Amino acid sequence: MASDFSDGVTRCAKREDGGRADVGRAGGRHARGRCACDGRTGDGRVDSAADDALHEECGVFGVWAPDRDVARLAYFGLKALQHRGQESAGIAVGDGGTVMVRKDLGLIDQVFSDADLSTLTGQLAVGHVRYGTAGAKSWEAAQPHLSTINDVIIALAHNGTLVNTDELRRQLIDLGVPFLSNSDSEVATKLIGYFTQRTKHLREGIRKTMELIRGGYAMTLINEQALYAFRDPYGIRPLVLGKLPAAEDGDSQEPATEGWIVASETCALDIVGAEYVRDIRPGEILRISAEGLVSEQGVPAAAESAECIFEQVYFARPDSIMGGKSVYACRYDMGRRLALEAPVEADMVIGVPDSGLPPAEGYAHESGIPFGEGLIKNRYVARTFIQPTQELRAMGVRMKLNPLRDNIAGKRLVVIDDSIVRGTTMVQLVKMLRQAGAAEVHVRINSPEVVWPCFYGIDTDVQAQLISANKSVEEIRAYIGADSLAFLSVEGLLACVPQIGEPVCGGCAERGYCTACFTGVYPVAIPDSFGRDKFMPGYDPLNFTTPEPVSGHCVTEKERDRSWETAHGEA
């Protein structure tokens, strides 16, 4: 069985020929999957996959547009999503006969030159920006992941985290499937490729993979001819569909073709001129090709959706629309609600740029305290929360923010920030404000206390690192050196975001959102082997479970004898 994969291993090392590697032979024809790395991985590359983290907050982008420069569209879309991941970037392009991938460590501008983009030609593409949550950077974990198994060539980009891939990985390895990284995304890629090779239909391969994997995921995928988008049954991670107008080409005699975009946020649609159509539905598989759009339910949607509420609090760009309401408006309303829940006498309200500015404006409006500029952000320093180590986060605060002394000296300040996760940033920030002459510093947080780890794609998967799991509000106040400290309530937060679906009583999806990091109620059951050791003694989370047995879930000899050709018409 290993021979099925022997010609299909994607290998890209720093080679004398510039790192280009053609791989894969399919059924007597050269249907190539190419990795176009140019050898720039030598300085940051990690040989040991054991150091690679599984959890990430990322951005994905997909485009089908035969009359457009899809590589540059993907590049601009990823630029709009750069805030979602800053460790690596990659683009895969399909041209009808092959799929080429270029990816590397660094920001999108560092990975792709104009010359690089010119080599990526085709009619469809997927792109990815990645943030690895812990451990060293790894080129192998950069996405899109490329899989070539006989006739099946796919490239996949994934935002989120899968919680049950250990056993699936072992089964695939036993079946002869090679792995280059310890990434859960690569497990999904290899599962899809494996099932597609066996069933001869890509949509069936995706569907069978969705039946097995658990967690939060939004994925985009291409083969040579079609773009696919699919989402976990709870809709934990965001994914939207947009429509591109037909390209204007006065020299062409042929009618121009409209294009389609899928992306993590609507801000990526805006930058490429696409119009928002709808969200990809939980559990849906969407196929986009020359035949049009085909939608089917890959797995049943959960009875209660559980979209990550931290998107509105922090991750999403304020100009993105989620649930019909701008993220800016959600954060502004959080500030207004916070002023009602935690008033204080002060002279000025300031926000911590950038995500703290809209709630600061809302707090000022509701409280009547003037809003002012108190902190200047260095736009060329990356977000501290999405830096991979604690030491770098601490060092990054002073590089990123500088107080406006003339504005804050002698004033009682209300400082609004989106969250306190580890406490590193706020300790440094309060100290800087006092050194700049602030008379009082009252910290207000427009989200509840982050007490529980996240296993669905956010860098908070070890509870001992969360300051609110270790200290009371008063202890945190003393630790950060503030005069007072208050957090927005869970109920207050939910009142500020658009309702998704019908309201239900209690639980993690009261308004269609996952609030597990605040409440400890997890919408997707987490195997003990995956996360139980991430909790501190005395904490008893809900919805943990014994690992679901998956023996026999991978294709067996008996299953291969079935006729799958009648299940779906095309790959």
Protein backbone atom coordinates (compact mmCIF):
# COMPACT_ATOMS: atom_id res chain seq x y z
CA MET A 1 0.00 0.00 0.00
CA ALA A 2 2.95 2.28 0.56
CA SER A 3 3.61 2.28 -3.17
CA ASP A 4 0.52 4.44 -3.63
CA PHE A 5 2.47 7.26 -2.02
CA SER A 6 6.04 6.57 -3.08
CA ASP A 7 5.98 9.01 -6.02
CA GLY A 8 3.78 11.53 -4.31
CA VAL A 9 5.80 12.85 -1.41
CA THR A 10 6.16 16.62 -1.55
CA ARG A 11 9.80 17.35 -0.85
CA CYS A 12 11.35 20.80 -0.87
CA ALA A 13 14.79 21.28 0.62
CA LYS A 14 17.36 23.99 0.02
CA ARG A 15 18.74 22.71 -3.26
CA GLU A 16 21.31 23.91 -5.74
CA ASP A 17 18.59 24.25 -8.36
CA GLY A 18 16.79 26.87 -6.27
CA GLY A 19 14.61 24.50 -4.34
CA ARG A 20 12.11 23.70 -7.09
CA ALA A 21 10.83 20.15 -6.85
CA ASP A 22 8.52 18.43 -9.32
CA VAL A 23 6.78 15.48 -7.72
CA GLY A 24 4.13 12.92 -8.53
CA ARG A 25 3.21 10.82 -11.52
CA ALA A 26 -0.42 10.11 -12.07
CA GLY A 27 -1.67 7.15 -14.04
CA GLY A 28 0.94 7.33 -16.79
CA ARG A 29 0.57 11.09 -17.28
CA HIS A 30 2.67 13.81 -15.70
CA ALA A 31 0.07 15.50 -13.48
CA ARG A 32 2.54 17.36 -11.37
CA GLY A 33 2.28 18.86 -7.93
CA ARG A 34 5.08 21.38 -7.62
CA CYS A 35 6.59 23.10 -4.64
CA ALA A 36 8.17 26.34 -5.82
CA CYS A 37 10.17 27.16 -2.70
CA ASP A 38 13.20 29.14 -3.78
CA GLY A 39 15.52 27.98 -1.05
CA ARG A 40 14.97 30.89 1.36
CA THR A 41 14.16 28.57 4.25
CA GLY A 42 17.68 27.93 5.47
CA ASP A 43 17.77 30.45 8.32
CA GLY A 44 14.57 29.52 10.07
CA ARG A 45 13.92 25.98 9.10
CA VAL A 46 13.32 23.29 11.73
CA ASP A 47 14.26 19.72 10.97
CA SER A 48 12.41 18.16 13.89
CA ALA A 49 8.66 18.07 13.51
CA ALA A 50 8.37 17.37 17.22
CA ASP A 51 8.97 21.06 17.95
CA ASP A 52 6.03 22.17 15.83
CA ALA A 53 2.83 23.27 17.56
CA LEU A 54 -0.57 22.08 16.45
CA HIS A 55 -2.60 25.16 17.31
CA GLU A 56 -2.83 28.24 15.18
CA GLU A 57 -4.90 31.28 14.38
CA CYS A 58 -4.58 31.73 10.63
CA GLY A 59 -6.09 33.35 7.58
CA VAL A 60 -7.23 31.53 4.44
CA PHE A 61 -8.09 32.82 0.99
CA GLY A 62 -9.31 31.08 -2.14
CA VAL A 63 -10.07 32.39 -5.62
CA TRP A 64 -11.54 30.96 -8.83
CA ALA A 65 -11.22 33.51 -11.63
CA PRO A 66 -10.10 32.22 -15.05
CA ASP A 67 -9.72 35.72 -16.52
CA ARG A 68 -7.71 37.15 -13.63
CA ASP A 69 -4.22 37.02 -12.19
CA VAL A 70 -5.20 34.68 -9.37
CA ALA A 71 -1.79 34.68 -7.69
CA ARG A 72 -1.88 38.44 -7.24
CA LEU A 73 -5.50 38.34 -6.10
CA ALA A 74 -4.46 35.80 -3.48
CA TYR A 75 -1.50 37.98 -2.53
CA PHE A 76 -3.70 41.04 -1.93
CA GLY A 77 -6.29 38.96 -0.11
CA LEU A 78 -3.61 37.61 2.22
CA LYS A 79 -2.31 41.14 2.77
CA ALA A 80 -5.75 42.00 4.13
CA LEU A 81 -5.57 38.95 6.40
CA GLN A 82 -1.99 39.45 7.58
CA HIS A 83 -3.21 40.30 11.09
CA ARG A 84 -4.33 36.68 11.45
CA GLY A 85 -0.85 35.19 11.08
CA GLN A 86 2.69 36.45 10.67
CA GLU A 87 5.03 33.45 10.79
CA SER A 88 4.60 32.07 7.29
CA ALA A 89 2.68 32.63 4.09
CA GLY A 90 1.95 30.60 1.00
CA ILE A 91 -0.03 30.45 -2.23
CA ALA A 92 -0.97 27.45 -4.37
CA VAL A 93 -2.18 27.87 -7.97
CA GLY A 94 -3.93 25.40 -10.26
CA ASP A 95 -3.79 25.75 -14.05
CA GLY A 96 -5.88 22.81 -15.20
CA GLY A 97 -3.00 20.34 -15.33
CA THR A 98 -0.88 20.93 -12.26
CA VAL A 99 -0.84 22.58 -8.85
CA MET A 100 2.14 24.70 -7.85
CA VAL A 101 2.81 25.81 -4.27
CA ARG A 102 5.14 28.54 -3.06
CA LYS A 103 5.44 29.10 0.70
CA ASP A 104 8.03 30.23 3.20
CA LEU A 105 8.58 31.71 6.64
CA GLY A 106 7.82 35.41 6.97
CA LEU A 107 5.19 38.01 6.15
CA ILE A 108 3.44 37.91 2.80
CA ASP A 109 5.68 40.72 1.49
CA GLN A 110 8.79 38.84 2.58
CA VAL A 111 7.75 35.56 0.99
CA PHE A 112 6.53 36.87 -2.38
CA SER A 113 8.25 39.20 -4.81
CA ASP A 114 6.66 40.38 -8.03
CA ALA A 115 8.81 37.86 -9.88
CA ASP A 116 7.57 35.08 -7.61
CA LEU A 117 3.95 35.92 -8.34
CA SER A 118 4.64 35.96 -12.08
CA THR A 119 5.65 32.30 -11.94
CA LEU A 120 2.30 31.29 -10.39
CA THR A 121 -0.13 31.20 -13.29
CA GLY A 122 -3.53 29.56 -13.47
CA GLN A 123 -7.23 30.08 -13.01
CA LEU A 124 -7.63 29.23 -9.32
CA ALA A 125 -5.61 29.58 -6.15
CA VAL A 126 -5.61 29.18 -2.38
CA GLY A 127 -3.48 31.12 0.06
CA HIS A 128 -2.62 31.03 3.74
CA VAL A 129 -1.01 33.14 6.46
CA ARG A 130 -0.03 31.19 9.55
CA TYR A 131 0.62 31.81 13.19
CA GLY A 132 2.22 28.88 15.05
CA THR A 133 1.30 29.17 18.70
CA ALA A 134 4.37 27.67 20.36
CA GLY A 135 7.73 26.09 19.67
CA ALA A 136 10.07 26.91 16.84
CA LYS A 137 9.07 28.00 13.39
CA SER A 138 8.87 25.24 10.83
CA TRP A 139 8.83 25.48 7.06
CA GLU A 140 7.15 22.09 6.90
CA ALA A 141 4.16 23.40 8.84
CA ALA A 142 3.72 26.37 6.50
CA GLN A 143 0.68 26.16 4.26
CA PRO A 144 -0.88 25.42 1.83
CA HIS A 145 -0.11 21.74 2.30
CA LEU A 146 0.40 19.86 -0.96
CA SER A 147 -0.57 16.22 -1.35
CA THR A 148 0.06 14.13 -4.46
CA ILE A 149 -1.23 10.58 -4.39
CA ASN A 150 -1.32 8.92 -7.80
CA ASP A 151 -4.00 10.86 -9.73
CA VAL A 152 -4.94 13.08 -6.78
CA ILE A 153 -3.20 16.45 -6.48
CA ILE A 154 -4.54 18.86 -3.86
CA ALA A 155 -3.36 21.91 -1.94
CA LEU A 156 -5.12 22.82 1.31
CA ALA A 157 -5.19 25.88 3.58
CA HIS A 158 -6.66 25.53 7.08
CA ASN A 159 -7.65 27.91 9.85
CA GLY A 160 -8.36 26.27 13.20
CA THR A 161 -7.30 23.25 15.20
CA LEU A 162 -8.31 19.60 14.99
CA VAL A 163 -8.46 17.75 18.29
CA ASN A 164 -8.45 14.07 17.26
CA THR A 165 -5.67 13.70 14.72
CA ASP A 166 -3.21 11.57 16.71
CA GLU A 167 -4.92 8.26 16.02
CA LEU A 168 -5.77 9.26 12.45
CA ARG A 169 -2.12 10.10 11.82
CA ARG A 170 -1.01 6.72 13.19
CA GLN A 171 -3.43 4.91 10.93
CA LEU A 172 -2.29 6.83 7.87
CA ILE A 173 1.36 6.15 8.69
CA ASP A 174 0.54 2.45 9.01
CA LEU A 175 -1.03 2.68 5.54
CA GLY A 176 2.18 4.12 4.12
CA VAL A 177 1.25 7.79 4.08
CA PRO A 178 4.30 10.02 4.70
CA PHE A 179 4.25 13.17 6.83
CA LEU A 180 6.59 16.16 6.74
CA SER A 181 5.31 17.93 9.87
CA ASN A 182 3.40 17.41 13.09
CA SER A 183 0.60 19.65 11.84
CA ASP A 184 -3.06 18.70 12.18
CA SER A 185 -3.61 20.46 8.86
CA GLU A 186 -1.34 17.98 7.12
CA VAL A 187 -3.37 15.12 8.60
CA ALA A 188 -6.51 16.62 7.04
CA THR A 189 -4.72 17.08 3.71
CA LYS A 190 -3.46 13.50 3.64
CA LEU A 191 -6.85 12.12 4.71
CA ILE A 192 -8.58 13.95 1.87
CA GLY A 193 -5.98 12.80 -0.62
CA TYR A 194 -6.15 9.24 0.62
CA PHE A 195 -9.94 8.96 0.51
CA THR A 196 -10.10 10.73 -2.84
CA GLN A 197 -7.60 8.32 -4.35
CA ARG A 198 -9.67 5.41 -3.08
CA THR A 199 -13.12 6.72 -3.96
CA LYS A 200 -12.10 8.55 -7.16
CA HIS A 201 -14.10 11.63 -6.14
CA LEU A 202 -12.66 14.63 -4.34
CA ARG A 203 -15.93 15.73 -2.80
CA GLU A 204 -16.37 12.25 -1.39
CA GLY A 205 -12.83 12.41 -0.01
CA ILE A 206 -13.64 15.71 1.69
CA ARG A 207 -16.93 14.38 3.05
CA LYS A 208 -15.35 11.25 4.53
CA THR A 209 -12.61 13.36 6.09
CA MET A 210 -15.19 15.71 7.63
CA GLU A 211 -16.91 12.68 9.14
CA LEU A 212 -13.70 11.75 10.97
CA ILE A 213 -12.08 15.00 12.06
CA ARG A 214 -13.20 16.97 15.11
CA GLY A 215 -12.48 20.54 16.16
CA GLY A 216 -12.76 23.99 14.69
CA TYR A 217 -11.84 24.40 11.03
CA ALA A 218 -12.38 26.52 7.96
CA MET A 219 -10.60 25.07 4.95
CA THR A 220 -10.03 26.01 1.34
CA LEU A 221 -8.65 23.51 -1.15
CA ILE A 222 -7.84 23.28 -4.83
CA ASN A 223 -7.06 20.56 -7.29
CA GLU A 224 -6.21 21.33 -10.90
CA GLN A 225 -9.73 22.44 -11.86
CA ALA A 226 -11.86 23.34 -8.84
CA LEU A 227 -11.86 25.37 -5.64
CA TYR A 228 -13.46 23.89 -2.52
CA ALA A 229 -14.46 25.51 0.76
CA PHE A 230 -15.77 23.69 3.82
CA ARG A 231 -16.34 24.42 7.47
CA ASP A 232 -16.78 22.51 10.72
CA PRO A 233 -20.37 21.65 11.72
CA TYR A 234 -20.39 24.25 14.52
CA GLY A 235 -19.03 27.05 12.35
CA ILE A 236 -16.36 27.81 14.95
CA ARG A 237 -13.91 29.34 12.49
CA PRO A 238 -15.15 31.98 10.00
CA LEU A 239 -15.34 31.58 6.23
CA VAL A 240 -17.19 33.80 3.73
CA LEU A 241 -18.06 33.69 0.03
CA GLY A 242 -17.69 36.66 -2.31
CA LYS A 243 -18.34 37.32 -5.99
CA LEU A 244 -15.88 39.02 -8.32
CA PRO A 245 -17.24 41.08 -11.22
CA ALA A 246 -16.17 40.05 -14.69
CA ALA A 247 -12.75 41.40 -15.62
CA GLU A 248 -12.74 44.32 -18.04
CA ASP A 249 -10.69 43.48 -21.12
CA GLY A 250 -11.40 45.60 -24.15
CA ASP A 251 -9.13 43.51 -26.40
CA SER A 252 -10.89 40.21 -25.77
CA GLN A 253 -13.66 39.02 -28.08
CA GLU A 254 -14.81 36.42 -25.56
CA PRO A 255 -17.29 37.32 -22.81
CA ALA A 256 -15.52 37.76 -19.48
CA THR A 257 -16.20 35.32 -16.68
CA GLU A 258 -17.21 36.28 -13.17
CA GLY A 259 -15.02 35.00 -10.37
CA TRP A 260 -15.50 33.76 -6.83
CA ILE A 261 -13.63 34.33 -3.58
CA VAL A 262 -13.64 32.51 -0.24
CA ALA A 263 -11.86 34.09 2.72
CA SER A 264 -11.63 34.18 6.49
CA GLU A 265 -13.01 37.73 6.64
CA THR A 266 -14.95 40.16 4.46
CA CYS A 267 -12.07 42.67 4.55
CA ALA A 268 -10.25 40.33 2.15
CA LEU A 269 -13.21 40.51 -0.23
CA ASP A 270 -13.13 44.29 -0.13
CA ILE A 271 -9.47 44.58 -1.07
CA VAL A 272 -9.92 42.54 -4.28
CA GLY A 273 -13.22 44.18 -5.24
CA ALA A 274 -15.47 41.21 -4.47
CA GLU A 275 -19.02 41.52 -3.17
CA TYR A 276 -20.01 39.57 -0.07
CA VAL A 277 -22.55 36.85 -0.89
CA ARG A 278 -22.90 34.79 2.28
CA ASP A 279 -21.07 32.81 4.91
CA ILE A 280 -20.05 29.24 4.16
CA ARG A 281 -22.55 27.29 6.25
CA PRO A 282 -21.49 24.98 9.08
CA GLY A 283 -20.81 21.50 7.69
CA GLU A 284 -21.14 22.69 4.08
CA ILE A 285 -18.90 21.70 1.16
CA LEU A 286 -18.86 24.31 -1.61
CA ARG A 287 -17.32 23.46 -4.99
CA ILE A 288 -16.48 26.25 -7.47
CA SER A 289 -15.44 25.44 -11.03
CA ALA A 290 -16.26 26.19 -14.66
CA GLU A 291 -19.52 24.28 -14.08
CA GLY A 292 -20.56 26.85 -11.46
CA LEU A 293 -21.19 26.61 -7.73
CA VAL A 294 -22.25 23.29 -6.23
CA SER A 295 -23.17 23.14 -2.55
CA GLU A 296 -23.82 20.07 -0.47
CA GLN A 297 -23.96 19.26 3.22
CA GLY A 298 -20.77 17.36 3.94
CA VAL A 299 -21.76 16.61 7.53
CA PRO A 300 -24.91 17.66 9.39
CA ALA A 301 -24.72 21.09 10.97
CA ALA A 302 -24.80 21.10 14.75
CA ALA A 303 -28.12 21.92 16.37
CA GLU A 304 -26.52 25.01 17.90
CA SER A 305 -23.77 26.89 16.08
CA ALA A 306 -20.77 27.99 18.13
CA GLU A 307 -18.85 30.67 16.27
CA CYS A 308 -15.73 31.90 18.06
CA ILE A 309 -16.68 35.10 19.87
CA PHE A 310 -13.03 36.11 20.14
CA GLU A 311 -13.23 37.08 16.46
CA GLN A 312 -15.40 40.06 17.42
CA VAL A 313 -13.32 40.79 20.52
CA TYR A 314 -9.85 40.71 18.99
CA PHE A 315 -8.95 38.70 15.92
CA ALA A 316 -11.06 40.12 13.11
CA ARG A 317 -10.31 43.44 11.49
CA PRO A 318 -12.78 46.16 12.57
CA ASP A 319 -13.86 46.74 8.96
CA SER A 320 -14.95 43.11 8.55
CA ILE A 321 -18.63 42.19 8.74
CA MET A 322 -19.69 39.22 10.86
CA GLY A 323 -23.29 38.19 11.28
CA GLY A 324 -24.45 41.30 9.43
CA LYS A 325 -22.74 43.70 11.85
CA SER A 326 -19.33 45.31 11.52
CA VAL A 327 -16.70 44.21 14.00
CA TYR A 328 -16.13 47.91 14.74
CA ALA A 329 -19.78 48.34 15.77
CA CYS A 330 -19.60 45.24 17.97
CA ARG A 331 -16.53 46.56 19.78
CA TYR A 332 -18.04 50.04 20.12
CA ASP A 333 -21.10 48.50 21.76
CA MET A 334 -18.87 46.46 24.07
CA GLY A 335 -17.38 49.71 25.30
CA ARG A 336 -20.80 51.23 25.91
CA ARG A 337 -21.91 48.17 27.85
CA LEU A 338 -18.66 48.19 29.84
CA ALA A 339 -19.29 51.80 30.88
CA LEU A 340 -22.66 50.72 32.29
CA GLU A 341 -21.25 47.69 34.08
CA ALA A 342 -18.03 49.25 35.41
CA PRO A 343 -18.25 53.06 35.71
CA VAL A 344 -15.43 55.10 37.24
CA GLU A 345 -14.62 58.78 37.73
CA ALA A 346 -11.87 59.85 35.33
CA ASP A 347 -10.64 62.65 33.08
CA MET A 348 -10.01 60.80 29.82
CA VAL A 349 -10.70 57.47 28.12
CA ILE A 350 -7.94 56.01 25.96
CA GLY A 351 -7.82 52.79 23.98
CA VAL A 352 -4.95 50.39 23.45
CA PRO A 353 -4.41 50.38 19.66
CA ASP A 354 -5.83 48.92 17.58
CA SER A 355 -8.57 46.63 18.90
CA GLY A 356 -9.04 48.71 22.07
CA LEU A 357 -9.93 51.91 20.21
CA PRO A 358 -13.55 51.17 19.19
CA PRO A 359 -14.59 50.05 22.71
CA ALA A 360 -12.80 53.10 24.15
CA GLU A 361 -14.91 55.34 21.93
CA GLY A 362 -18.03 53.50 23.07
CA TYR A 363 -17.05 53.77 26.73
CA ALA A 364 -16.44 57.51 26.35
CA HIS A 365 -19.77 58.03 24.59
CA GLU A 366 -21.76 56.18 27.26
CA SER A 367 -19.89 57.58 30.26
CA GLY A 368 -19.54 61.16 29.08
CA ILE A 369 -15.80 61.09 29.81
CA PRO A 370 -13.81 62.63 26.94
CA PHE A 371 -12.07 60.24 24.55
CA GLY A 372 -8.45 61.05 23.77
CA GLU A 373 -5.28 59.73 22.20
CA GLY A 374 -2.97 58.37 24.86
CA LEU A 375 -0.89 55.76 23.08
CA ILE A 376 0.86 55.86 19.73
CA LYS A 377 1.37 52.56 17.96
CA ASN A 378 4.42 51.68 15.91
CA ARG A 379 2.75 50.23 12.80
CA TYR A 380 5.83 48.24 11.89
CA VAL A 381 5.80 46.01 14.96
CA ALA A 382 3.68 42.85 14.93
CA ARG A 383 0.93 42.11 17.44
CA THR A 384 2.30 40.95 20.79
CA PHE A 385 -0.43 38.35 21.37
CA ILE A 386 0.53 36.59 18.18
CA GLN A 387 4.24 36.46 18.88
CA PRO A 388 5.37 32.88 19.47
CA THR A 389 7.15 33.17 22.84
CA GLN A 390 6.48 34.95 26.12
CA GLU A 391 9.88 36.65 26.09
CA LEU A 392 9.21 38.21 22.70
CA ARG A 393 5.77 39.39 23.84
CA ALA A 394 7.28 41.24 26.80
CA MET A 395 10.01 42.83 24.71
CA GLY A 396 7.54 43.82 22.03
CA VAL A 397 5.32 46.02 24.22
CA ARG A 398 7.69 48.98 24.42
CA MET A 399 8.56 48.69 20.76
CA LYS A 400 4.90 48.72 19.84
CA LEU A 401 3.36 51.43 22.06
CA ASN A 402 4.55 54.81 23.30
CA PRO A 403 2.58 57.18 25.59
CA LEU A 404 1.61 60.72 24.58
CA ARG A 405 2.96 62.45 27.66
CA ASP A 406 1.39 65.85 27.01
CA ASN A 407 -2.06 64.26 26.70
CA ILE A 408 -2.00 62.06 29.78
CA ALA A 409 0.19 63.84 32.33
CA GLY A 410 -1.80 64.59 35.49
CA LYS A 411 -4.96 62.89 34.21
CA ARG A 412 -7.05 60.08 35.65
CA LEU A 413 -7.17 57.59 32.79
CA VAL A 414 -9.60 54.86 31.82
CA VAL A 415 -7.58 52.44 29.69
CA ILE A 416 -9.62 50.12 27.47
CA ASP A 417 -8.14 46.92 26.07
CA ASP A 418 -9.73 43.90 24.44
CA SER A 419 -8.46 41.23 26.83
CA ILE A 420 -5.91 40.24 29.44
CA VAL A 421 -4.60 36.81 28.54
CA ARG A 422 -1.18 36.38 30.16
CA GLY A 423 -0.84 39.85 31.67
CA THR A 424 2.53 40.66 30.10
CA THR A 425 1.33 43.57 27.99
CA MET A 426 -0.78 45.25 30.65
CA VAL A 427 1.97 45.19 33.30
CA GLN A 428 4.29 47.05 30.96
CA LEU A 429 1.55 49.36 29.74
CA VAL A 430 0.41 50.54 33.18
CA LYS A 431 4.04 51.14 34.15
CA MET A 432 4.62 53.23 31.01
CA LEU A 433 1.50 55.34 31.63
CA ARG A 434 2.51 56.07 35.21
CA GLN A 435 6.02 56.98 34.10
CA ALA A 436 4.44 59.35 31.57
CA GLY A 437 2.64 61.18 34.39
CA ALA A 438 -0.82 59.59 34.60
CA ALA A 439 -2.41 60.40 37.97
CA GLU A 440 -4.57 57.26 38.01
CA VAL A 441 -4.87 54.26 35.70
CA HIS A 442 -8.21 52.43 35.65
CA VAL A 443 -8.15 49.39 33.37
CA ARG A 444 -11.35 48.21 31.70
CA ILE A 445 -11.46 45.08 29.54
CA ASN A 446 -14.18 44.70 26.89
CA SER A 447 -14.33 40.92 27.28
CA PRO A 448 -14.74 38.52 30.22
CA GLU A 449 -11.83 36.90 32.02
CA VAL A 450 -10.03 34.28 29.90
CA VAL A 451 -9.96 31.39 32.37
CA TRP A 452 -10.11 28.31 30.15
CA PRO A 453 -7.80 27.14 27.36
CA CYS A 454 -8.93 27.13 23.74
CA PHE A 455 -8.51 23.98 21.64
CA TYR A 456 -10.10 25.27 18.44
CA GLY A 457 -7.43 27.55 17.03
CA ILE A 458 -6.32 30.25 19.49
CA ASP A 459 -3.02 30.47 21.34
CA THR A 460 -4.40 29.81 24.84
CA ASP A 461 -4.20 26.03 25.13
CA VAL A 462 -2.30 25.83 28.45
CA GLN A 463 -4.40 27.00 31.38
CA ALA A 464 -1.44 27.67 33.68
CA GLN A 465 -0.37 30.49 31.34
CA LEU A 466 -3.71 32.31 31.73
CA ILE A 467 -3.51 34.94 34.44
CA SER A 468 -7.25 34.82 35.21
CA ALA A 469 -6.97 31.10 35.94
CA ASN A 470 -4.34 31.84 38.58
CA LYS A 471 -5.47 35.11 40.16
CA SER A 472 -8.64 36.88 41.24
CA VAL A 473 -9.59 40.21 39.67
CA GLU A 474 -8.17 42.03 42.69
CA GLU A 475 -4.94 40.03 42.48
CA ILE A 476 -4.63 40.83 38.78
CA ARG A 477 -5.23 44.52 39.54
CA ALA A 478 -2.39 44.49 42.05
CA TYR A 479 -0.16 42.52 39.69
CA ILE A 480 -0.57 44.94 36.78
CA GLY A 481 -0.37 47.98 39.08
CA ALA A 482 -3.73 49.55 38.14
CA ASP A 483 -5.93 51.65 40.43
CA SER A 484 -8.95 49.58 39.44
CA LEU A 485 -9.77 46.74 37.06
CA ALA A 486 -13.03 45.41 35.61
CA PHE A 487 -14.03 42.97 32.87
CA LEU A 488 -17.14 42.91 30.69
CA SER A 489 -19.57 40.16 31.71
CA VAL A 490 -20.35 37.21 29.45
CA GLU A 491 -23.96 38.40 29.27
CA GLY A 492 -22.80 41.90 28.37
CA LEU A 493 -20.54 40.60 25.63
CA LEU A 494 -23.27 38.45 24.11
CA ALA A 495 -25.61 41.44 24.07
CA CYS A 496 -23.18 43.31 21.80
CA VAL A 497 -22.81 40.76 19.00
CA PRO A 498 -25.43 39.74 16.42
CA GLN A 499 -27.54 36.76 17.32
CA ILE A 500 -26.87 33.62 15.28
CA GLY A 501 -29.81 31.26 14.96
CA GLU A 502 -32.49 30.87 17.58
CA PRO A 503 -31.60 31.76 21.17
CA VAL A 504 -31.16 28.79 23.49
CA CYS A 505 -30.93 28.53 27.23
CA GLY A 506 -27.48 28.29 28.81
CA GLY A 507 -24.55 26.41 27.41
CA CYS A 508 -21.77 27.62 25.18
CA ALA A 509 -23.94 28.70 22.27
CA GLU A 510 -26.43 31.05 23.90
CA ARG A 511 -26.42 33.33 20.87
CA GLY A 512 -24.68 30.95 18.51
CA TYR A 513 -21.17 31.58 19.87
CA CYS A 514 -18.44 29.55 21.52
CA THR A 515 -17.54 31.13 24.86
CA ALA A 516 -15.48 28.20 26.16
CA CYS A 517 -12.48 30.39 27.02
CA PHE A 518 -14.73 32.31 29.43
CA THR A 519 -17.10 29.59 30.66
CA GLY A 520 -15.31 26.23 30.30
CA VAL A 521 -18.18 24.79 28.25
CA TYR A 522 -16.74 23.26 25.08
CA PRO A 523 -19.03 22.76 22.06
CA VAL A 524 -16.86 20.02 20.50
CA ALA A 525 -15.90 17.17 22.81
CA ILE A 526 -12.16 17.12 23.50
CA PRO A 527 -10.38 13.76 23.94
CA ASP A 528 -8.64 13.40 27.28
CA SER A 529 -5.43 12.51 25.47
CA PHE A 530 -5.47 15.81 23.61
CA GLY A 531 -6.20 18.32 26.32
CA ARG A 532 -6.74 16.98 29.83
CA ASP A 533 -3.14 17.71 30.86
CA LYS A 534 -3.54 21.34 29.76
CA PHE A 535 -5.81 22.06 32.76
CA MET A 536 -4.75 23.10 36.24
CA PRO A 537 -5.72 20.96 39.26
CA GLY A 538 -9.20 21.74 40.53
CA TYR A 539 -10.62 22.86 37.18
CA ASP A 540 -13.33 20.61 35.77
CA PRO A 541 -14.21 21.56 32.20
CA LEU A 542 -17.39 20.37 30.54
CA ASN A 543 -17.54 18.20 27.42
CA PHE A 544 -14.27 16.35 27.70
CA THR A 545 -14.51 12.74 26.64
CA THR A 546 -12.70 9.47 26.24
CA PRO A 547 -11.01 9.44 22.83
CA GLU A 548 -13.46 8.31 20.18
CA PRO A 549 -12.27 5.02 18.69
CA VAL A 550 -11.32 5.43 15.06
CA SER A 551 -9.99 1.96 14.30
CA GLY A 552 -11.44 0.88 11.00
CA HIS A 553 -12.43 4.41 10.00
CA CYS A 554 -9.71 4.58 7.39
CA VAL A 555 -10.45 2.72 4.17
CA THR A 556 -10.36 -1.05 4.51
CA GLU A 557 -10.01 -3.73 1.84
CA LYS A 558 -13.74 -4.41 2.11
CA GLU A 559 -14.58 -0.73 1.72
CA ARG A 560 -12.38 -0.45 -1.37
CA ASP A 561 -14.51 -3.08 -3.06
CA ARG A 562 -17.56 -0.81 -2.94
CA SER A 563 -18.59 1.12 -6.02
CA TRP A 564 -18.17 4.83 -5.22
CA GLU A 565 -18.59 6.04 -8.78
CA THR A 566 -22.34 6.45 -8.37
CA ALA A 567 -22.03 8.61 -5.26
CA HIS A 568 -20.96 11.84 -7.00
CA GLY A 569 -20.62 12.75 -10.63
CA GLU A 570 -17.30 14.58 -10.62
CA ALA A 571 -14.15 14.78 -8.55
